Protein backbone atom coordinates (compact mmCIF):
# COMPACT_ATOMS: atom_id res chain seq x y z
CA MET A 1 0.00 0.00 0.00
CA ILE A 2 1.19 3.50 -0.79
CA ASP A 3 0.20 5.35 2.38
CA GLY A 4 -0.07 9.06 1.69
CA ARG A 5 2.42 8.87 -1.17
CA ASP A 6 2.16 11.18 -4.15
CA PHE A 7 1.86 9.21 -7.42
CA TYR A 8 3.56 12.06 -9.25
CA GLN A 9 6.47 11.88 -6.80
CA ILE A 10 6.75 8.12 -7.28
CA LEU A 11 7.23 8.60 -11.03
CA GLY A 12 9.45 11.66 -10.51
CA ILE A 13 7.27 14.02 -12.53
CA ASN A 14 5.44 17.29 -11.98
CA HIS A 15 1.69 17.52 -11.41
CA ASP A 16 1.26 19.13 -14.83
CA ALA A 17 3.16 16.35 -16.64
CA THR A 18 1.87 15.36 -20.09
CA GLU A 19 0.87 11.83 -21.12
CA THR A 20 4.19 11.48 -22.92
CA ASP A 21 6.08 12.55 -19.77
CA ILE A 22 4.17 10.00 -17.69
CA LYS A 23 4.78 7.12 -20.11
CA LYS A 24 8.47 7.98 -20.51
CA ALA A 25 9.02 8.16 -16.75
CA TYR A 26 7.15 4.91 -16.16
CA ARG A 27 9.08 2.91 -18.73
CA LYS A 28 12.40 4.13 -17.42
CA LEU A 29 11.55 3.19 -13.82
CA ALA A 30 9.81 -0.09 -14.77
CA ILE A 31 12.92 -1.31 -16.57
CA LYS A 32 15.12 -0.27 -13.67
CA PHE A 33 13.08 -1.95 -10.91
CA HIS A 34 11.53 -4.90 -12.80
CA PRO A 35 11.76 -8.07 -10.63
CA ASP A 36 13.30 -10.02 -13.50
CA LYS A 37 16.18 -7.56 -13.56
CA ASN A 38 16.51 -7.55 -9.76
CA PRO A 39 15.92 -11.19 -8.75
CA GLY A 40 15.45 -11.71 -5.02
CA SER A 41 15.23 -7.99 -4.24
CA LYS A 42 12.14 -7.31 -2.12
CA GLU A 43 12.86 -3.58 -2.27
CA SER A 44 12.86 -3.58 -6.09
CA GLU A 45 9.68 -5.64 -6.19
CA ASP A 46 7.86 -3.24 -3.85
CA LYS A 47 9.15 -0.29 -5.85
CA PHE A 48 7.90 -1.90 -9.07
CA LYS A 49 4.44 -2.31 -7.55
CA GLU A 50 4.41 1.36 -6.54
CA ILE A 51 5.45 2.41 -10.02
CA ALA A 52 2.81 0.19 -11.65
CA SER A 53 0.07 1.51 -9.37
CA ALA A 54 1.05 5.13 -9.95
CA TYR A 55 1.20 4.67 -13.71
CA GLU A 56 -2.17 2.91 -13.82
CA ILE A 57 -3.86 5.93 -12.26
CA LEU A 58 -1.96 8.75 -13.95
CA SER A 59 -2.05 7.24 -17.46
CA ASP A 60 -5.85 7.19 -17.44
CA GLY A 61 -7.40 10.66 -17.83
CA LYS A 62 -10.52 9.89 -15.78
CA LYS A 63 -8.65 8.13 -12.97
CA ARG A 64 -6.03 10.86 -12.91
CA GLN A 65 -8.73 13.52 -12.46
CA GLU A 66 -10.34 11.53 -9.64
CA TYR A 67 -6.93 11.16 -8.00
CA ASN A 68 -6.20 14.87 -8.36
CA ASP A 69 -9.58 15.65 -6.75
CA THR A 70 -8.71 13.34 -3.85
CA ILE A 71 -5.35 15.08 -3.35
CA PHE A 72 -7.14 18.43 -3.33
CA ARG A 73 -9.52 17.24 -0.59
CA HIS A 74 -7.01 15.41 1.61
CA GLY A 75 -3.64 16.85 0.73
CA VAL A 76 -0.51 14.82 0.06
CA GLY A 77 1.09 13.21 3.11
CA ASN A 78 -2.03 13.43 5.29
CA ASP A 79 -3.79 10.47 6.92
CA TRP A 80 -5.22 8.80 3.79
CA ASP A 81 -4.20 5.97 1.53
CA LEU A 82 -5.28 4.13 -1.60
CA PHE A 83 -8.42 2.86 0.12
CA ASP A 84 -9.55 6.46 0.53
CA PHE A 85 -9.03 6.84 -3.19
CA TYR A 86 -10.94 3.59 -3.76
CA GLU A 87 -13.89 4.91 -1.74
CA SER A 88 -14.03 8.09 -3.83
CA SER A 89 -13.21 6.54 -7.19
CA SER A 90 -15.34 4.66 -9.69
CA SER A 91 -12.35 2.50 -10.60
CA GLY A 92 -10.14 2.05 -7.54
CA PHE A 93 -8.45 -1.24 -6.83
CA ARG A 94 -10.63 -3.21 -9.20
CA ASN A 95 -8.46 -1.94 -12.04
CA ILE A 96 -5.27 -1.10 -10.16
CA PHE A 97 -3.00 -2.92 -12.58
CA ASP A 98 -4.85 -2.22 -15.84
CA GLY A 99 -2.76 -0.36 -18.38
CA ILE A 100 0.64 -1.52 -17.12
CA VAL A 101 2.95 -1.61 -20.13
CA ASN A 102 6.30 -3.34 -19.67
CA ASP A 103 8.93 -2.68 -22.31
CA PHE A 104 11.79 -4.60 -20.81
CA GLU A 105 14.68 -6.36 -22.58
CA GLY A 106 12.67 -6.85 -25.77
CA TYR A 107 9.51 -7.97 -23.98
CA HIS A 108 6.25 -6.24 -24.89
CA TYR A 109 3.57 -6.90 -22.31
CA SER A 110 0.07 -5.47 -21.97
CA PRO A 111 -2.44 -7.05 -19.56
CA HIS A 112 -5.39 -6.06 -21.76
CA VAL A 113 -3.88 -7.88 -24.73
CA HIS A 114 -3.01 -11.02 -22.77
CA ALA A 115 -6.12 -11.25 -20.60
CA GLN A 116 -8.39 -14.25 -20.77
CA LYS A 117 -11.49 -13.65 -22.87
CA LYS A 118 -14.48 -15.86 -23.54
CA GLY A 119 -14.76 -17.16 -27.08
CA SER A 120 -17.58 -15.87 -29.25
CA ASP A 121 -20.59 -17.94 -30.29
CA ILE A 122 -20.82 -19.57 -33.72
CA ARG A 123 -24.05 -19.57 -35.72
CA ILE A 124 -24.65 -22.21 -38.39
CA ARG A 125 -27.71 -23.09 -40.46
CA THR A 126 -28.74 -26.57 -41.55
CA GLU A 127 -31.70 -28.27 -43.22
CA ILE A 128 -33.41 -31.50 -42.18
CA THR A 129 -36.39 -33.52 -43.43
CA LEU A 130 -39.67 -34.46 -41.75
CA THR A 131 -38.27 -37.97 -41.40
CA ASP A 132 -35.37 -36.48 -39.42
CA VAL A 133 -37.91 -34.72 -37.19
CA ALA A 134 -39.68 -38.04 -36.60
CA PHE A 135 -36.58 -40.01 -35.63
CA GLY A 136 -34.01 -37.38 -34.68
CA LYS A 137 -30.71 -37.09 -36.48
CA GLU A 138 -26.96 -37.19 -35.90
CA SER A 139 -25.92 -34.39 -38.23
CA VAL A 140 -22.31 -33.98 -39.38
CA ILE A 141 -21.57 -30.35 -40.24
CA GLU A 142 -18.41 -28.57 -41.37
CA VAL A 143 -17.50 -25.96 -38.76
CA GLU A 144 -14.92 -23.19 -39.02
CA ARG A 145 -13.85 -22.18 -35.52
CA PHE A 146 -11.00 -21.04 -33.29
CA ASP A 147 -9.49 -23.97 -31.39
CA THR A 148 -6.86 -24.21 -28.65
CA CYS A 149 -3.38 -23.65 -30.04
CA HIS A 150 -1.43 -26.90 -29.71
CA SER A 151 1.93 -25.15 -29.93
CA CYS A 152 1.45 -23.30 -26.63
CA ASN A 153 -1.40 -25.36 -25.12
CA GLY A 154 -3.57 -22.27 -25.11
CA THR A 155 -1.32 -20.11 -22.91
CA GLY A 156 -0.36 -17.70 -25.70
CA ALA A 157 3.28 -17.90 -24.65
CA GLU A 158 6.29 -19.67 -26.09
CA LEU A 159 6.77 -22.99 -24.34
CA LYS A 160 10.37 -22.15 -23.46
CA GLN A 161 10.95 -18.89 -21.54
CA GLY A 162 7.75 -17.44 -22.95
CA LYS A 163 6.17 -16.64 -19.62
CA SER A 164 7.21 -15.49 -16.16
CA ILE A 165 5.68 -15.70 -12.70
CA CYS A 166 3.55 -12.62 -12.10
CA PRO A 167 5.61 -10.13 -10.07
CA ILE A 168 2.50 -8.68 -8.45
CA CYS A 169 0.76 -11.78 -7.03
CA LYS A 170 3.84 -14.07 -7.14
CA GLY A 171 2.00 -16.71 -9.10
CA ILE A 172 -1.02 -16.99 -6.80
CA GLY A 173 -3.41 -15.28 -9.18
CA SER A 174 -5.06 -13.13 -6.52
CA ILE A 175 -4.17 -10.28 -4.17
CA VAL A 176 -5.43 -9.71 -0.63
CA TYR A 177 -6.05 -6.08 0.40
CA HIS A 178 -6.27 -5.15 4.09
CA HIS A 179 -8.09 -2.11 5.39
CA GLY A 180 -8.58 -2.01 9.15
CA PHE A 181 -10.56 -5.10 10.14
CA PHE A 182 -11.55 -5.81 6.54
CA LYS A 183 -9.80 -8.13 4.13
CA VAL A 184 -10.67 -8.24 0.44
CA GLU A 185 -9.28 -10.80 -2.00
CA ARG A 186 -9.40 -9.89 -5.66
CA THR A 187 -8.20 -11.45 -8.88
CA CYS A 188 -4.79 -10.08 -9.79
CA ARG A 189 -5.31 -7.50 -12.53
CA CYS A 190 -1.75 -7.85 -13.74
CA CYS A 191 -2.00 -11.54 -14.73
CA PHE A 192 -5.82 -11.81 -14.58
CA GLY A 193 -5.67 -14.76 -12.22
CA GLU A 194 -3.27 -16.81 -14.35
CA GLY A 195 -0.32 -16.44 -12.01
CA TYR A 196 2.00 -15.68 -14.90
CA ILE A 197 2.53 -13.00 -17.51
CA VAL A 198 3.37 -13.56 -21.16
CA LEU A 199 6.83 -12.32 -22.07
CA ARG A 200 7.22 -13.86 -25.50
CA GLU A 201 4.13 -14.59 -27.56
CA CYS A 202 3.60 -17.94 -29.27
CA GLY A 203 4.56 -17.52 -32.91
CA LYS A 204 1.78 -19.73 -34.22
CA CYS A 205 -1.19 -18.05 -32.53
CA ASN A 206 0.33 -14.57 -31.96
CA GLY A 207 -0.31 -14.78 -28.23
CA THR A 208 -4.05 -15.50 -28.44
CA GLY A 209 -3.75 -19.15 -27.42
CA ARG A 210 -5.95 -20.29 -30.30
CA THR A 211 -5.80 -20.98 -34.03
CA LYS A 212 -8.48 -21.25 -36.73
CA ILE A 213 -9.43 -24.72 -37.93
CA ILE A 214 -12.06 -26.27 -40.22
CA ARG A 215 -13.38 -29.71 -39.38
CA ASN A 216 -16.49 -31.86 -39.49
CA GLU A 217 -18.34 -32.05 -36.19
CA SER A 218 -21.31 -34.18 -35.16
CA PHE A 219 -24.44 -32.66 -33.60
CA LYS A 220 -27.43 -34.56 -32.27
CA ILE A 221 -30.74 -33.07 -33.43
CA PRO A 222 -33.55 -34.30 -31.15
CA PRO A 223 -36.88 -35.66 -32.45
CA GLY A 224 -39.79 -33.23 -32.59
CA VAL A 225 -37.71 -30.14 -33.35
CA GLU A 226 -39.57 -27.31 -35.06
CA THR A 227 -38.50 -25.26 -38.04
CA ASN A 228 -36.66 -21.96 -37.31
CA THR A 229 -35.47 -23.37 -33.99
CA TRP A 230 -32.00 -22.45 -32.69
CA LEU A 231 -30.33 -25.37 -30.89
CA ARG A 232 -27.57 -24.39 -28.45
CA PHE A 233 -24.52 -26.62 -28.04
CA THR A 234 -22.67 -25.32 -24.99
CA GLY A 235 -18.90 -24.99 -25.34
CA ASN A 236 -18.85 -25.84 -29.06
CA GLY A 237 -18.21 -22.25 -30.16
CA ASN A 238 -14.89 -20.47 -30.57
CA SER A 239 -12.26 -21.28 -27.97
CA GLY A 240 -11.51 -18.44 -25.59
CA ILE A 241 -8.38 -16.33 -25.74
CA ARG A 242 -5.61 -17.70 -23.51
CA LYS A 243 -7.67 -20.57 -22.10
CA GLY A 244 -10.75 -18.43 -21.67
CA LYS A 245 -14.12 -20.16 -21.65
CA SER A 246 -15.35 -21.34 -25.05
CA GLY A 247 -18.45 -19.85 -26.61
CA ASP A 248 -21.46 -21.85 -27.76
CA LEU A 249 -22.55 -23.11 -31.15
CA LEU A 250 -26.06 -22.14 -32.23
CA LEU A 251 -27.57 -24.36 -34.90
CA HIS A 252 -30.51 -22.99 -36.88
CA ILE A 253 -32.94 -25.68 -38.06
CA ARG A 254 -34.96 -25.37 -41.25
CA ILE A 255 -37.28 -28.25 -42.17
CA THR A 256 -37.56 -28.84 -45.90
CA ASP A 257 -40.90 -29.39 -47.61
CA HIS A 258 -42.04 -32.99 -48.07
CA GLU A 259 -43.51 -34.12 -51.37
CA LEU A 260 -46.49 -35.80 -49.65
CA PHE A 261 -46.75 -34.76 -46.01
CA GLN A 262 -47.51 -31.41 -44.39
CA ARG A 263 -46.85 -30.67 -40.74
CA GLU A 264 -49.39 -29.09 -38.44
CA GLY A 265 -47.94 -28.98 -34.94
CA ASN A 266 -47.22 -32.60 -34.08
CA ASP A 267 -49.79 -33.90 -36.58
CA ILE A 268 -49.18 -34.93 -40.18
CA LYS A 269 -51.60 -34.28 -43.03
CA CYS A 270 -51.64 -35.83 -46.48
CA GLU A 271 -53.95 -36.32 -49.45
CA ILE A 272 -54.29 -39.79 -50.99
CA PRO A 273 -55.98 -40.52 -54.35
CA ILE A 274 -58.37 -43.49 -54.53
CA SER A 275 -60.34 -44.92 -57.41
CA PHE A 276 -64.03 -44.48 -58.07
CA THR A 277 -64.71 -48.13 -57.26
CA GLN A 278 -62.66 -48.04 -54.03
CA ALA A 279 -64.66 -45.05 -52.89
CA ALA A 280 -67.97 -46.69 -53.81
CA LEU A 281 -67.33 -50.21 -52.55
CA GLY A 282 -64.79 -49.56 -49.78
CA ASP A 283 -61.39 -51.22 -49.59
CA ASP A 284 -58.46 -52.19 -47.38
CA PHE A 285 -55.72 -49.83 -48.42
CA GLU A 286 -52.04 -49.26 -47.50
CA VAL A 287 -51.30 -45.63 -46.64
CA PRO A 288 -47.72 -44.24 -46.52
CA THR A 289 -46.57 -42.72 -43.20
CA LEU A 290 -43.24 -41.40 -41.93
CA TYR A 291 -42.76 -44.77 -40.26
CA GLY A 292 -43.61 -46.97 -43.27
CA LYS A 293 -46.87 -48.14 -44.81
CA THR A 294 -49.87 -48.92 -42.62
CA LYS A 295 -53.17 -50.60 -43.62
CA VAL A 296 -56.44 -48.68 -43.28
CA SER A 297 -60.02 -49.44 -44.29
CA ILE A 298 -61.69 -47.12 -46.76
CA PRO A 299 -65.40 -46.97 -45.85
CA HIS A 300 -67.80 -47.69 -48.74
CA GLY A 301 -69.37 -44.56 -50.09
CA THR A 302 -66.30 -42.44 -49.32
CA GLN A 303 -66.52 -38.98 -50.88
CA SER A 304 -63.72 -36.82 -52.16
CA GLY A 305 -62.51 -34.70 -49.22
CA ASN A 306 -63.41 -37.27 -46.52
CA ILE A 307 -60.72 -37.57 -43.82
CA ILE A 308 -59.68 -40.50 -41.65
CA GLU A 309 -57.35 -40.32 -38.63
CA ILE A 310 -54.46 -42.70 -37.97
CA LYS A 311 -53.44 -42.60 -34.31
CA GLY A 312 -49.76 -42.27 -33.35
CA LYS A 313 -48.38 -41.72 -36.85
CA GLY A 314 -47.61 -38.04 -36.37
CA LEU A 315 -44.45 -36.39 -35.01
CA PRO A 316 -43.13 -36.81 -31.46
CA ASP A 317 -43.59 -33.90 -29.07
CA LYS A 318 -40.18 -32.34 -28.37
CA ASN A 319 -40.82 -32.45 -24.62
CA THR A 320 -43.13 -35.41 -23.87
CA LYS A 321 -42.09 -37.48 -26.93
CA LYS A 322 -45.76 -38.46 -27.37
CA LYS A 323 -46.58 -38.75 -31.07
CA GLY A 324 -49.31 -36.84 -32.83
CA ASN A 325 -51.68 -38.34 -35.41
CA GLN A 326 -51.83 -38.55 -39.19
CA PHE A 327 -54.88 -37.26 -41.04
CA VAL A 328 -55.52 -38.74 -44.48
CA LYS A 329 -57.74 -36.83 -46.88
CA PHE A 330 -59.11 -38.89 -49.77
CA LYS A 331 -59.33 -37.60 -53.30
CA VAL A 332 -61.67 -39.69 -55.50
CA LEU A 333 -60.39 -39.91 -59.06
CA THR A 334 -62.88 -39.84 -61.95
CA PRO A 335 -62.00 -42.64 -64.37
CA VAL A 336 -60.71 -41.61 -67.81
CA ASN A 337 -59.73 -43.47 -70.99
CA LEU A 338 -62.46 -46.04 -70.42
CA THR A 339 -62.71 -49.17 -72.54
CA ALA A 340 -65.93 -50.06 -74.31
CA LYS A 341 -66.68 -52.71 -71.70
CA GLU A 342 -66.13 -50.21 -68.83
CA LYS A 343 -68.39 -47.67 -70.50
CA GLU A 344 -71.08 -50.31 -70.94
CA LEU A 345 -70.89 -51.28 -67.26
CA LEU A 346 -71.08 -47.66 -66.14
CA ARG A 347 -74.12 -47.01 -68.34
CA GLU A 348 -75.79 -50.04 -66.83
CA LEU A 349 -74.93 -48.76 -63.35
CA HIS A 350 -76.32 -45.36 -64.26
CA LYS A 351 -79.62 -46.91 -65.36
CA LEU A 352 -79.89 -48.88 -62.12
CA GLN A 353 -79.29 -45.75 -60.01
CA ALA A 354 -81.75 -43.70 -62.10
CA SER A 355 -84.48 -46.27 -61.60
CA LYS A 356 -84.31 -46.11 -57.81
């Protein structure tokens, strides 16, 4: 903690210093007191923390103004510390190490660049048939996505000497702040909880910890799905940056039109042509369904437009899995291209009906 210390004094600059002055002073001091350059020196490590904290505040215009306002109220050297600044600041310790830029012995480090970030979601569209809706489907789809970099195992750093233990939290990943009787533990904002900082970026993934790939992936589409549905596959999206959580894959379902069947909720409708004699005399008739042919009885005297219901031959409900029904509408076909014998029989039938 920097009790009553002046951030400007820590960096050796005046209160009216420009952004360029602040950055130049910080880099000079950061290189001088960096723990990697002063191994085992507790004094250098503490000094580096002071420098980093001072730079974080003064390099940000809004935080610098809040800090200047705090100095104006309390005065430098009086009985106040960084927790007083935290109480009066919208940023405070939550971002105390944001913006640290280390330009040391060829290393270029920025916490914002190397922070973990969740991967974005992927959206893909696919088409399935009514038969797929009835039975479900294991769909294999080509997916272009970011995957964990195998060269650095997702760390974003070169495997050899590419990373260093975080000088702020000493590899723990968190920092404990004490203020009177209170103790607050927060994720280290220098390494973002990783416990290490990237010094040399992985050449294959440029420090992101992930690379783009294209591969076929299998997705299970459940029975009963409806058209224009988005199915979410958790964790199948883009891999996160530097081992961040992966996003999701959202699969849009479009059901193609069937040549015979129409869907109405979980029910199936279709129109089946039957002959004049089948309609008049009745018949046992095989009707196509999504599950194969099934035998039904055509009542005698069936008219065009009459409908029969076949139980359990519809689509499964996506939640209960109970199947709907199939409704068959008959279309009676008028005979054409009759032979002489057929015409004679129909005329005889006509006479019989007319005499009733």
